[in-house]
C-alpha atoms as a PDB file:
ATOM      1  CA  MET A   1      -5.743 -63.999  40.966  1.00  0.00           C
ATOM      2  CA  LEU A   2      -9.354 -63.257  41.786  1.00  0.00           C
ATOM      3  CA  ILE A   3     -11.688 -61.350  39.444  1.00  0.00           C
ATOM      4  CA  GLU A   4     -14.931 -59.761  40.589  1.00  0.00           C
ATOM      5  CA  ILE A   5     -17.828 -59.644  38.140  1.00  0.00           C
ATOM      6  CA  LYS A   6     -19.965 -56.698  39.169  1.00  0.00           C
ATOM      7  CA  PRO A   7     -23.754 -57.208  39.557  1.00  0.00           C
ATOM      8  CA  ASP A   8     -24.591 -54.483  37.007  1.00  0.00           C
ATOM      9  CA  LEU A   9     -23.652 -56.933  34.227  1.00  0.00           C
ATOM     10  CA  PHE A  10     -26.655 -59.042  35.267  1.00  0.00           C
ATOM     11  CA  GLU A  11     -29.187 -56.220  35.262  1.00  0.00           C
ATOM     12  CA  LYS A  12     -30.203 -56.354  31.591  1.00  0.00           C
ATOM     13  CA  SER A  13     -31.131 -59.470  29.644  1.00  0.00           C
ATOM     14  CA  GLU A  14     -29.174 -58.299  26.583  1.00  0.00           C
ATOM     15  CA  LYS A  15     -25.978 -58.725  28.648  1.00  0.00           C
ATOM     16  CA  LEU A  16     -26.402 -62.513  28.717  1.00  0.00           C
ATOM     17  CA  GLN A  17     -24.057 -63.092  25.787  1.00  0.00           C
ATOM     18  CA  GLU A  18     -21.312 -60.954  27.326  1.00  0.00           C
ATOM     19  CA  VAL A  19     -21.651 -62.652  30.696  1.00  0.00           C
ATOM     20  CA  ASN A  20     -21.513 -66.050  28.987  1.00  0.00           C
ATOM     21  CA  GLN A  21     -18.340 -65.010  27.159  1.00  0.00           C
ATOM     22  CA  LEU A  22     -16.672 -63.926  30.387  1.00  0.00           C
ATOM     23  CA  LEU A  23     -17.652 -67.065  32.258  1.00  0.00           C
ATOM     24  CA  ALA A  24     -16.440 -69.238  29.380  1.00  0.00           C
ATOM     25  CA  LEU A  25     -13.093 -67.435  29.390  1.00  0.00           C
ATOM     26  CA  PHE A  26     -12.637 -67.556  33.149  1.00  0.00           C
ATOM     27  CA  SER A  27     -13.945 -71.104  33.595  1.00  0.00           C
ATOM     28  CA  ASP A  28     -12.017 -72.722  30.739  1.00  0.00           C
ATOM     29  CA  ARG A  29     -10.089 -75.452  32.592  1.00  0.00           C
ATOM     30  CA  ARG A  30     -10.538 -73.201  35.642  1.00  0.00           C
ATOM     31  CA  ARG A  31      -8.132 -70.662  34.234  1.00  0.00           C
ATOM     32  CA  TYR A  32      -9.180 -67.883  36.653  1.00  0.00           C
ATOM     33  CA  GLU A  33     -11.068 -67.762  39.907  1.00  0.00           C
ATOM     34  CA  TYR A  34     -13.863 -65.223  39.923  1.00  0.00           C
ATOM     35  CA  PHE A  35     -16.339 -63.784  42.372  1.00  0.00           C
ATOM     36  CA  CYS A  36     -19.853 -62.499  41.877  1.00  0.00           C
ATOM     37  CA  ASP A  37     -22.169 -61.428  44.691  1.00  0.00           C
ATOM     38  CA  LEU A  38     -24.691 -64.246  44.417  1.00  0.00           C
ATOM     39  CA  THR A  39     -27.176 -62.498  46.695  1.00  0.00           C
ATOM     40  CA  GLU A  40     -27.457 -59.596  44.243  1.00  0.00           C
ATOM     41  CA  VAL A  41     -27.699 -61.541  40.974  1.00  0.00           C
ATOM     42  CA  ILE A  42     -29.512 -64.770  41.809  1.00  0.00           C
ATOM     43  CA  ASP A  43     -32.954 -63.369  40.903  1.00  0.00           C
ATOM     44  CA  SER A  44     -31.829 -61.727  37.638  1.00  0.00           C
ATOM     45  CA  ASN A  45     -32.908 -63.057  34.262  1.00  0.00           C
ATOM     46  CA  VAL A  46     -29.283 -63.239  33.169  1.00  0.00           C
ATOM     47  CA  PHE A  47     -28.343 -65.522  36.059  1.00  0.00           C
ATOM     48  CA  LYS A  48     -31.413 -67.698  35.544  1.00  0.00           C
ATOM     49  CA  SER A  49     -30.467 -68.139  31.872  1.00  0.00           C
ATOM     50  CA  LEU A  50     -26.931 -69.367  32.597  1.00  0.00           C
ATOM     51  CA  LEU A  51     -25.862 -72.982  32.196  1.00  0.00           C
ATOM     52  CA  ASP A  52     -26.150 -75.015  35.377  1.00  0.00           C
ATOM     53  CA  ILE A  53     -22.368 -75.496  35.505  1.00  0.00           C
ATOM     54  CA  ASP A  54     -21.849 -71.733  35.485  1.00  0.00           C
ATOM     55  CA  LYS A  55     -24.433 -71.229  38.238  1.00  0.00           C
ATOM     56  CA  GLN A  56     -22.660 -73.878  40.305  1.00  0.00           C
ATOM     57  CA  LEU A  57     -19.260 -72.248  39.796  1.00  0.00           C
ATOM     58  CA  ILE A  58     -20.596 -68.819  40.734  1.00  0.00           C
ATOM     59  CA  GLU A  59     -21.997 -70.314  43.936  1.00  0.00           C
ATOM     60  CA  GLU A  60     -18.791 -72.227  44.648  1.00  0.00           C
ATOM     61  CA  TYR A  61     -16.569 -69.191  44.210  1.00  0.00           C
ATOM     62  CA  PHE A  62     -19.002 -66.984  46.149  1.00  0.00           C
ATOM     63  CA  ASN A  63     -18.945 -69.327  49.132  1.00  0.00           C
ATOM     64  CA  ARG A  64     -15.160 -69.610  48.942  1.00  0.00           C
ATOM     65  CA  PHE A  65     -14.805 -65.835  48.827  1.00  0.00           C
ATOM     66  CA  ILE A  66     -17.064 -65.011  51.767  1.00  0.00           C
ATOM     67  CA  THR A  67     -15.427 -67.649  53.973  1.00  0.00           C
ATOM     68  CA  GLY A  68     -11.843 -66.937  52.920  1.00  0.00           C
ATOM     69  CA  CYS A  69     -11.878 -63.146  52.572  1.00  0.00           C
ATOM     70  CA  THR A  70      -9.717 -63.412  49.448  1.00  0.00           C
ATOM     71  CA  LYS A  71      -8.492 -60.139  47.977  1.00  0.00           C
ATOM     72  CA  VAL A  72     -10.009 -59.086  44.651  1.00  0.00           C
ATOM     73  CA  ASP A  73      -7.337 -58.279  42.067  1.00  0.00           C
ATOM     74  CA  TYR A  74      -9.480 -57.071  39.137  1.00  0.00           C
ATOM     75  CA  CYS A  75     -13.114 -56.320  38.455  1.00  0.00           C
ATOM     76  CA  VAL A  76     -15.353 -56.292  35.382  1.00  0.00           C
ATOM     77  CA  ALA A  77     -18.393 -54.026  35.159  1.00  0.00           C
ATOM     78  CA  ASN A  78     -20.793 -52.728  32.555  1.00  0.00           C
ATOM     79  CA  ASP A  79     -18.772 -49.542  32.040  1.00  0.00           C
ATOM     80  CA  SER A  80     -15.046 -48.879  32.068  1.00  0.00           C
ATOM     81  CA  THR A  81     -13.922 -47.037  35.200  1.00  0.00           C
ATOM     82  CA  PRO A  82     -10.488 -46.385  36.736  1.00  0.00           C
ATOM     83  CA  GLU A  83     -11.070 -49.429  38.945  1.00  0.00           C
ATOM     84  CA  CYS A  84     -12.878 -51.783  36.554  1.00  0.00           C
ATOM     85  CA  PHE A  85     -12.676 -53.168  33.045  1.00  0.00           C
ATOM     86  CA  ASN A  86     -15.663 -53.199  30.757  1.00  0.00           C
ATOM     87  CA  VAL A  87     -16.291 -56.488  28.932  1.00  0.00           C
ATOM     88  CA  LEU A  88     -14.211 -55.544  25.881  1.00  0.00           C
ATOM     89  CA  GLU A  89     -11.235 -54.617  28.051  1.00  0.00           C
ATOM     90  CA  ALA A  90     -11.646 -57.752  30.145  1.00  0.00           C
ATOM     91  CA  LYS A  91     -11.611 -60.029  27.106  1.00  0.00           C
ATOM     92  CA  ARG A  92      -8.467 -58.348  25.768  1.00  0.00           C
ATOM     93  CA  PHE A  93      -6.712 -58.411  29.126  1.00  0.00           C
ATOM     94  CA  PHE A  94      -7.572 -61.887  30.396  1.00  0.00           C
ATOM     95  CA  ASN A  95      -7.358 -63.619  27.010  1.00  0.00           C
ATOM     96  CA  GLN A  96      -3.705 -62.724  26.541  1.00  0.00           C
ATOM     97  CA  PRO A  97      -1.024 -65.125  27.811  1.00  0.00           C
ATOM     98  CA  PHE A  98       0.942 -64.012  30.841  1.00  0.00           C
ATOM     99  CA  THR A  99       4.363 -63.122  29.412  1.00  0.00           C
ATOM    100  CA  ILE A 100       7.576 -63.835  31.288  1.00  0.00           C
ATOM    101  CA  VAL A 101      10.079 -61.539  29.613  1.00  0.00           C
ATOM    102  CA  LEU A 102      13.540 -63.114  29.358  1.00  0.00           C
ATOM    103  CA  GLU A 103      16.749 -61.932  27.784  1.00  0.00           C
ATOM    104  CA  ASN A 104      16.782 -65.123  25.699  1.00  0.00           C
ATOM    105  CA  SER A 105      13.531 -67.077  25.819  1.00  0.00           C
ATOM    106  CA  GLU A 106      14.963 -70.281  24.337  1.00  0.00           C
ATOM    107  CA  ASN A 107      17.993 -70.634  26.604  1.00  0.00           C
ATOM    108  CA  ASP A 108      16.644 -68.994  29.753  1.00  0.00           C
ATOM    109  CA  GLY A 109      13.426 -70.990  29.417  1.00  0.00           C
ATOM    110  CA  TYR A 110      15.289 -74.134  30.484  1.00  0.00           C
ATOM    111  CA  PHE A 111      16.047 -72.424  33.796  1.00  0.00           C
ATOM    112  CA  LEU A 112      12.418 -71.489  34.439  1.00  0.00           C
ATOM    113  CA  ASP A 113      11.232 -74.944  33.430  1.00  0.00           C
ATOM    114  CA  ALA A 114      13.722 -76.449  35.879  1.00  0.00           C
ATOM    115  CA  ILE A 115      12.719 -74.411  38.909  1.00  0.00           C
ATOM    116  CA  SER A 116       8.990 -74.880  38.254  1.00  0.00           C
ATOM    117  CA  GLU A 117       9.619 -78.645  38.225  1.00  0.00           C
ATOM    118  CA  ALA A 118      12.010 -78.600  41.185  1.00  0.00           C
ATOM    119  CA  PHE A 119       9.592 -76.709  43.403  1.00  0.00           C
ATOM    120  CA  ARG A 120       6.588 -78.755  42.377  1.00  0.00           C
ATOM    121  CA  LYS A 121       4.157 -77.609  45.061  1.00  0.00           C
ATOM    122  CA  GLN A 122       4.785 -73.920  44.345  1.00  0.00           C
ATOM    123  CA  GLY A 123       5.059 -74.547  40.602  1.00  0.00           C
ATOM    124  CA  LYS A 124       1.844 -76.553  40.148  1.00  0.00           C
ATOM    125  CA  LYS A 125      -0.254 -73.609  38.924  1.00  0.00           C
ATOM    126  CA  PHE A 126       2.681 -72.282  36.889  1.00  0.00           C
ATOM    127  CA  ARG A 127       3.028 -75.572  35.010  1.00  0.00           C
ATOM    128  CA  ARG A 128      -0.740 -75.858  34.437  1.00  0.00           C
ATOM    129  CA  HIS A 129      -0.882 -72.397  32.919  1.00  0.00           C
ATOM    130  CA  TYR A 130       2.233 -73.052  30.838  1.00  0.00           C
ATOM    131  CA  ASP A 131       0.925 -76.390  29.558  1.00  0.00           C
ATOM    132  CA  ASN A 132      -2.356 -74.732  28.527  1.00  0.00           C
ATOM    133  CA  GLY A 133      -0.602 -71.946  26.642  1.00  0.00           C
ATOM    134  CA  TRP A 134      -1.558 -69.300  29.220  1.00  0.00           C
ATOM    135  CA  ILE A 135       2.092 -68.492  29.938  1.00  0.00           C
ATOM    136  CA  SER A 136       4.558 -67.517  27.237  1.00  0.00           C
ATOM    137  CA  TYR A 137       8.275 -66.797  27.414  1.00  0.00           C
ATOM    138  CA  GLY A 138       8.949 -63.439  25.783  1.00  0.00           C
ATOM    139  CA  ASN A 139      12.264 -63.074  23.977  1.00  0.00           C
ATOM    140  CA  ALA A 140      13.571 -59.549  24.610  1.00  0.00           C
ATOM    141  CA  GLY A 141      16.913 -60.154  22.911  1.00  0.00           C
ATOM    142  CA  GLY A 142      19.043 -58.914  25.816  1.00  0.00           C
ATOM    143  CA  CYS A 143      18.532 -56.734  28.861  1.00  0.00           C
ATOM    144  CA  THR A 144      18.962 -53.481  26.934  1.00  0.00           C
ATOM    145  CA  ASN A 145      15.979 -54.365  24.709  1.00  0.00           C
ATOM    146  CA  ILE A 146      13.466 -55.214  27.447  1.00  0.00           C
ATOM    147  CA  ILE A 147      12.039 -51.698  27.519  1.00  0.00           C
ATOM    148  CA  ASN A 148      11.528 -51.808  23.741  1.00  0.00           C
ATOM    149  CA  PHE A 149       9.860 -55.219  24.056  1.00  0.00           C
ATOM    150  CA  ILE A 150       7.348 -53.950  26.611  1.00  0.00           C
ATOM    151  CA  GLU A 151       6.727 -50.733  24.692  1.00  0.00           C
ATOM    152  CA  ARG A 152       5.769 -52.823  21.658  1.00  0.00           C
ATOM    153  CA  GLN A 153       3.294 -54.729  23.800  1.00  0.00           C
ATOM    154  CA  LYS A 154       1.823 -51.502  25.149  1.00  0.00           C
ATOM    155  CA  LYS A 155       1.139 -50.148  21.665  1.00  0.00           C
ATOM    156  CA  SER A 156      -1.304 -52.973  20.977  1.00  0.00           C
ATOM    157  CA  PHE A 157      -3.587 -51.448  23.621  1.00  0.00           C
ATOM    158  CA  LYS A 158      -3.609 -47.924  22.209  1.00  0.00           C
ATOM    159  CA  ASN A 159      -7.331 -48.010  21.322  1.00  0.00           C
ATOM    160  CA  LEU A 160      -8.478 -49.063  24.784  1.00  0.00           C
ATOM    161  CA  PRO A 161      -9.667 -46.445  27.290  1.00  0.00           C
ATOM    162  CA  LYS A 162      -7.095 -46.785  30.070  1.00  0.00           C
ATOM    163  CA  ARG A 163      -3.386 -46.033  30.051  1.00  0.00           C
ATOM    164  CA  GLN A 164      -1.614 -48.661  27.969  1.00  0.00           C
ATOM    165  CA  GLU A 165       0.507 -50.025  30.814  1.00  0.00           C
ATOM    166  CA  TYR A 166      -2.661 -50.932  32.726  1.00  0.00           C
ATOM    167  CA  TYR A 167      -3.270 -53.817  30.311  1.00  0.00           C
ATOM    168  CA  LEU A 168       0.180 -55.378  30.602  1.00  0.00           C
ATOM    169  CA  ARG A 169       0.344 -58.925  31.919  1.00  0.00           C
ATOM    170  CA  CYS A 170       4.025 -59.684  32.285  1.00  0.00           C
ATOM    171  CA  TYR A 171       6.931 -60.379  34.610  1.00  0.00           C
ATOM    172  CA  VAL A 172      10.573 -59.597  33.867  1.00  0.00           C
ATOM    173  CA  LEU A 173      13.435 -61.913  34.856  1.00  0.00           C
ATOM    174  CA  VAL A 174      16.997 -60.805  34.073  1.00  0.00           C
ATOM    175  CA  ASP A 175      20.596 -61.607  34.913  1.00  0.00           C
ATOM    176  CA  SER A 176      22.343 -59.232  37.310  1.00  0.00           C
ATOM    177  CA  ASP A 177      25.597 -59.356  35.286  1.00  0.00           C
ATOM    178  CA  LYS A 178      27.408 -58.586  38.551  1.00  0.00           C
ATOM    179  CA  ARG A 179      31.150 -59.160  38.658  1.00  0.00           C
ATOM    180  CA  PHE A 180      31.119 -58.999  42.476  1.00  0.00           C
ATOM    181  CA  SER A 181      28.343 -58.767  45.058  1.00  0.00           C
ATOM    182  CA  GLU A 182      28.208 -54.961  45.354  1.00  0.00           C
ATOM    183  CA  ASP A 183      28.531 -54.340  41.623  1.00  0.00           C
ATOM    184  CA  SER A 184      25.846 -52.150  40.052  1.00  0.00           C
ATOM    185  CA  SER A 185      24.612 -51.387  36.565  1.00  0.00           C
ATOM    186  CA  ASP A 186      23.116 -48.176  35.191  1.00  0.00           C
ATOM    187  CA  THR A 187      21.259 -50.296  32.622  1.00  0.00           C
ATOM    188  CA  ARG A 188      19.483 -52.250  35.343  1.00  0.00           C
ATOM    189  CA  LYS A 189      18.759 -49.126  37.373  1.00  0.00           C
ATOM    190  CA  ARG A 190      17.065 -47.586  34.338  1.00  0.00           C
ATOM    191  CA  LEU A 191      15.152 -50.812  33.788  1.00  0.00           C
ATOM    192  CA  GLU A 192      13.955 -50.904  37.408  1.00  0.00           C
ATOM    193  CA  THR A 193      12.768 -47.289  37.149  1.00  0.00           C
ATOM    194  CA  TYR A 194      10.883 -48.062  33.939  1.00  0.00           C
ATOM    195  CA  LEU A 195       9.275 -51.233  35.299  1.00  0.00           C
ATOM    196  CA  THR A 196       8.193 -49.482  38.484  1.00  0.00           C
ATOM    197  CA  LYS A 197       6.623 -46.656  36.449  1.00  0.00           C
ATOM    198  CA  ASN A 198       4.743 -49.209  34.325  1.00  0.00           C
ATOM    199  CA  ASN A 199       3.682 -51.346  37.294  1.00  0.00           C
ATOM    200  CA  VAL A 200       5.496 -54.438  35.969  1.00  0.00           C
ATOM    201  CA  SER A 201       6.821 -56.989  38.470  1.00  0.00           C
ATOM    202  CA  TRP A 202      10.399 -58.128  38.004  1.00  0.00           C
ATOM    203  CA  HIS A 203      13.301 -60.003  39.521  1.00  0.00           C
ATOM    204  CA  ILE A 204      17.014 -59.447  39.005  1.00  0.00           C
ATOM    205  CA  LEU A 205      18.999 -62.558  39.841  1.00  0.00           C
ATOM    206  CA  GLU A 206      21.385 -62.523  42.790  1.00  0.00           C
ATOM    207  CA  LYS A 207      24.042 -64.370  40.844  1.00  0.00           C
ATOM    208  CA  ARG A 208      25.725 -63.037  37.720  1.00  0.00           C
ATOM    209  CA  GLU A 209      23.758 -65.067  35.190  1.00  0.00           C
ATOM    210  CA  ILE A 210      21.356 -67.961  34.974  1.00  0.00           C
ATOM    211  CA  GLU A 211      24.325 -70.254  34.216  1.00  0.00           C
ATOM    212  CA  ASN A 212      25.753 -69.529  37.677  1.00  0.00           C
ATOM    213  CA  TYR A 213      22.870 -71.477  39.230  1.00  0.00           C
ATOM    214  CA  MET A 214      23.996 -74.718  37.597  1.00  0.00           C
ATOM    215  CA  PRO A 215      24.683 -77.229  40.392  1.00  0.00           C
ATOM    216  CA  ASP A 216      28.243 -78.473  40.886  1.00  0.00           C
ATOM    217  CA  GLU A 217      27.044 -82.064  40.510  1.00  0.00           C
ATOM    218  CA  VAL A 218      26.000 -81.361  36.922  1.00  0.00           C
ATOM    219  CA  ILE A 219      29.160 -79.460  36.028  1.00  0.00           C
ATOM    220  CA  ALA A 220      31.266 -82.282  37.464  1.00  0.00           C
ATOM    221  CA  GLU A 221      29.795 -84.572  34.801  1.00  0.00           C
ATOM    222  CA  MET A 222      30.509 -82.272  31.834  1.00  0.00           C
ATOM    223  CA  ASP A 223      32.418 -84.276  29.226  1.00  0.00           C
ATOM    224  CA  ASN A 224      34.414 -81.450  27.646  1.00  0.00           C
ATOM    225  CA  ASN A 225      36.629 -78.593  28.877  1.00  0.00           C
ATOM    226  CA  ARG A 226      37.473 -80.751  31.887  1.00  0.00           C
ATOM    227  CA  ASN A 227      40.496 -78.703  33.017  1.00  0.00           C
ATOM    228  CA  TYR A 228      38.326 -75.603  32.848  1.00  0.00           C
ATOM    229  CA  TYR A 229      35.396 -77.017  34.817  1.00  0.00           C
ATOM    230  CA  ASP A 230      37.669 -78.720  37.359  1.00  0.00           C
ATOM    231  CA  ALA A 231      39.294 -75.349  38.049  1.00  0.00           C
ATOM    232  CA  TYR A 232      35.856 -73.742  38.318  1.00  0.00           C
ATOM    233  CA  LEU A 233      34.708 -76.319  40.867  1.00  0.00           C
ATOM    234  CA  LYS A 234      37.599 -75.318  43.138  1.00  0.00           C
ATOM    235  CA  LEU A 235      36.191 -71.794  43.442  1.00  0.00           C
ATOM    236  CA  SER A 236      34.270 -70.823  46.564  1.00  0.00           C
ATOM    237  CA  GLU A 237      30.479 -70.520  46.362  1.00  0.00           C
ATOM    238  CA  ILE A 238      30.710 -66.715  46.216  1.00  0.00           C
ATOM    239  CA  GLN A 239      33.387 -66.843  43.517  1.00  0.00           C
ATOM    240  CA  LYS A 240      31.197 -69.176  41.446  1.00  0.00           C
ATOM    241  CA  ASP A 241      28.299 -66.726  41.799  1.00  0.00           C
ATOM    242  CA  PHE A 242      30.089 -63.956  39.887  1.00  0.00           C
ATOM    243  CA  PHE A 243      32.405 -65.848  37.554  1.00  0.00           C
ATOM    244  CA  ASP A 244      31.627 -65.600  33.832  1.00  0.00           C
ATOM    245  CA  LEU A 245      31.194 -69.277  32.954  1.00  0.00           C
ATOM    246  CA  GLN A 246      31.333 -68.646  29.224  1.00  0.00           C
ATOM    247  CA  LYS A 247      34.136 -66.092  28.925  1.00  0.00           C
ATOM    248  CA  GLY A 248      36.149 -66.762  32.070  1.00  0.00           C
ATOM    249  CA  PHE A 249      38.331 -63.759  32.832  1.00  0.00           C
ATOM    250  CA  LYS A 250      38.085 -62.630  29.199  1.00  0.00           C
ATOM    251  CA  GLY A 251      41.785 -63.155  28.622  1.00  0.00           C
ATOM    252  CA  GLU A 252      42.834 -60.625  31.274  1.00  0.00           C
ATOM    253  CA  GLN A 253      46.072 -61.164  33.137  1.00  0.00           C
ATOM    254  CA  GLN A 254      45.481 -61.838  36.811  1.00  0.00           C
ATOM    255  CA  ASN A 255      47.212 -58.612  37.840  1.00  0.00           C
ATOM    256  CA  LYS A 256      45.041 -56.580  35.425  1.00  0.00           C
ATOM    257  CA  LEU A 257      41.645 -57.495  36.851  1.00  0.00           C
ATOM    258  CA  HIS A 258      39.237 -54.911  38.237  1.00  0.00           C
ATOM    259  CA  PRO A 259      40.390 -54.336  41.864  1.00  0.00           C
ATOM    260  CA  LYS A 260      37.211 -55.779  43.379  1.00  0.00           C
ATOM    261  CA  VAL A 261      37.279 -58.773  41.029  1.00  0.00           C
ATOM    262  CA  ALA A 262      40.954 -59.297  41.911  1.00  0.00           C
ATOM    263  CA  ARG A 263      40.086 -59.191  45.617  1.00  0.00           C
ATOM    264  CA  LEU A 264      37.272 -61.713  45.145  1.00  0.00           C
ATOM    265  CA  MET A 265      39.519 -64.050  43.162  1.00  0.00           C
ATOM    266  CA  GLU A 266      42.794 -63.453  45.018  1.00  0.00           C
ATOM    267  CA  ASN A 267      43.152 -67.055  46.253  1.00  0.00           C
ATOM    268  CA  VAL A 268      42.773 -68.634  42.785  1.00  0.00           C
ATOM    269  CA  SER A 269      46.021 -70.462  42.046  1.00  0.00           C
ATOM    270  CA  GLU A 270      48.158 -69.500  39.078  1.00  0.00           C
ATOM    271  CA  GLU A 271      47.535 -72.882  37.476  1.00  0.00           C
ATOM    272  CA  ASP A 272      43.756 -72.696  37.889  1.00  0.00           C
ATOM    273  CA  TYR A 273      43.748 -69.110  36.624  1.00  0.00           C
ATOM    274  CA  LYS A 274      45.435 -70.260  33.413  1.00  0.00           C
ATOM    275  CA  HIS A 275      42.598 -72.723  32.818  1.00  0.00           C
ATOM    276  CA  LEU A 276      39.915 -70.150  33.647  1.00  0.00           C
ATOM    277  CA  LYS A 277      41.447 -67.154  31.928  1.00  0.00           C
ATOM    278  CA  ASN A 278      39.964 -67.493  28.437  1.00  0.00           C
ATOM    279  CA  GLY A 279      36.663 -69.205  29.179  1.00  0.00           C
ATOM    280  CA  VAL A 280      35.280 -72.327  27.513  1.00  0.00           C
ATOM    281  CA  ASP A 281      36.673 -73.573  24.214  1.00  0.00           C
ATOM    282  CA  ASN A 282      33.295 -73.776  22.497  1.00  0.00           C
ATOM    283  CA  LYS A 283      31.982 -70.274  23.202  1.00  0.00           C
ATOM    284  CA  GLY A 284      29.868 -70.345  20.059  1.00  0.00           C
ATOM    285  CA  ILE A 285      27.568 -73.081  21.330  1.00  0.00           C
ATOM    286  CA  PHE A 286      27.940 -72.616  25.103  1.00  0.00           C
ATOM    287  CA  LYS A 287      24.946 -70.285  25.480  1.00  0.00           C
ATOM    288  CA  SER A 288      22.631 -72.652  23.613  1.00  0.00           C
ATOM    289  CA  GLU A 289      23.889 -76.007  24.952  1.00  0.00           C
ATOM    290  CA  PHE A 290      24.856 -75.314  28.570  1.00  0.00           C
ATOM    291  CA  PRO A 291      21.332 -74.242  29.710  1.00  0.00           C
ATOM    292  CA  LYS A 292      19.934 -77.581  28.500  1.00  0.00           C
ATOM    293  CA  LYS A 293      21.694 -79.171  31.478  1.00  0.00           C
ATOM    294  CA  PHE A 294      19.018 -77.625  33.695  1.00  0.00           C
ATOM    295  CA  GLU A 295      16.736 -80.393  32.441  1.00  0.00           C
ATOM    296  CA  ILE A 296      18.473 -82.852  34.795  1.00  0.00           C
ATOM    297  CA  VAL A 297      18.897 -80.754  37.956  1.00  0.00           C
ATOM    298  CA  THR A 298      17.121 -81.613  41.201  1.00  0.00           C
ATOM    299  CA  ARG A 299      15.498 -79.513  43.900  1.00  0.00           C
ATOM    300  CA  GLU A 300      18.166 -80.545  46.397  1.00  0.00           C
ATOM    301  CA  GLN A 301      20.963 -79.491  44.040  1.00  0.00           C
ATOM    302  CA  LEU A 302      19.408 -76.065  43.417  1.00  0.00           C
ATOM    303  CA  LEU A 303      18.858 -75.487  47.137  1.00  0.00           C
ATOM    304  CA  LYS A 304      22.471 -76.413  47.814  1.00  0.00           C
ATOM    305  CA  ARG A 305      23.677 -73.968  45.136  1.00  0.00           C
ATOM    306  CA  THR A 306      21.674 -71.101  46.680  1.00  0.00           C
ATOM    307  CA  ALA A 307      22.074 -71.966  50.392  1.00  0.00           C
ATOM    308  CA  HIS A 308      24.685 -69.244  51.018  1.00  0.00           C
ATOM    309  CA  GLN A 309      22.784 -66.417  49.292  1.00  0.00           C
ATOM    310  CA  SER A 310      21.168 -63.436  51.019  1.00  0.00           C
ATOM    311  CA  ASP A 311      17.904 -65.095  49.882  1.00  0.00           C
ATOM    312  CA  PRO A 312      18.493 -68.857  49.929  1.00  0.00           C
ATOM    313  CA  ASN A 313      14.899 -69.343  48.748  1.00  0.00           C
ATOM    314  CA  GLU A 314      15.332 -67.091  45.718  1.00  0.00           C
ATOM    315  CA  LEU A 315      14.328 -69.683  43.110  1.00  0.00           C
ATOM    316  CA  GLU A 316      11.272 -70.869  45.010  1.00  0.00           C
ATOM    317  CA  ASN A 317      10.231 -67.248  45.522  1.00  0.00           C
ATOM    318  CA  ILE A 318      10.472 -66.514  41.798  1.00  0.00           C
ATOM    319  CA  ILE A 319       7.882 -69.214  41.106  1.00  0.00           C
ATOM    320  CA  LYS A 320       5.718 -68.055  44.020  1.00  0.00           C
ATOM    321  CA  ASN A 321       5.772 -64.447  42.802  1.00  0.00           C
ATOM    322  CA  ILE A 322       4.823 -65.410  39.246  1.00  0.00           C
ATOM    323  CA  THR A 323       2.061 -67.722  40.486  1.00  0.00           C
ATOM    324  CA  GLU A 324       0.486 -64.883  42.471  1.00  0.00           C
ATOM    325  CA  LEU A 325       0.136 -62.926  39.220  1.00  0.00           C
ATOM    326  CA  LEU A 326      -1.571 -65.701  37.228  1.00  0.00           C
END
């Protein structure tokens, strides 16, 4: 992210405090890169009164901008306009953590932690922002509550001059809940429409749930439900993508499955189906304990688990997309 500080903030000496506040916020452990047209402000009293370190950073970022032609994402000016924040808006907007909205922040957070570690080059900025408290995992409490979660965030901006959604700093990551590749969900369609309207970036996973990204190598070492996991490991990669790892086939007889699920799973043996039919034995703790296994996964294992997907670089791209918004 690149923020432009407009020259009009340097025109009056009484703006020194506000400029200092902005520079302190942006420069804190180099949280944000910013740009100010040095040629227009260098002779102003405000610029001359800045700390030497701030003058040096303004010059550094100015030189980087004019040589790299980096795109400006936001701007701060003396007055609020449709294109720019005023100082009050800027402090509210840039001071808030970037929120990654998850269906379950505790359990799904293990997945995000894992991919930011696995793809270390792409995840470097992500981890730095997370470690400094500039990223938070928002707990929506399920896909159906994500809209309510974001609406609550929007209300906190009701006294600011722009439309409330303009001040949102968030990214939504949700399970697809697909039972087969062409499955669709009205809930997710409504969510996509809402997020588009509110200019919120999002990603819906290709696989059914976060758990479906667990590498085979990790599942092979699970020390309980061995018959269940051994039967699961015999499934094809596509079958694993849309199998409900917690609930199995939810007790359904094989001849009672949804036609497209039955077609996807038609080569599962009768014996393996018996093991998979009712899901794991410890359903009560599966959702909280299984995701912790992401702490031991490797980049190679994750790439292997996604190699057959329409986007084999899905996990790397999630981190890239979030990083671009920081």
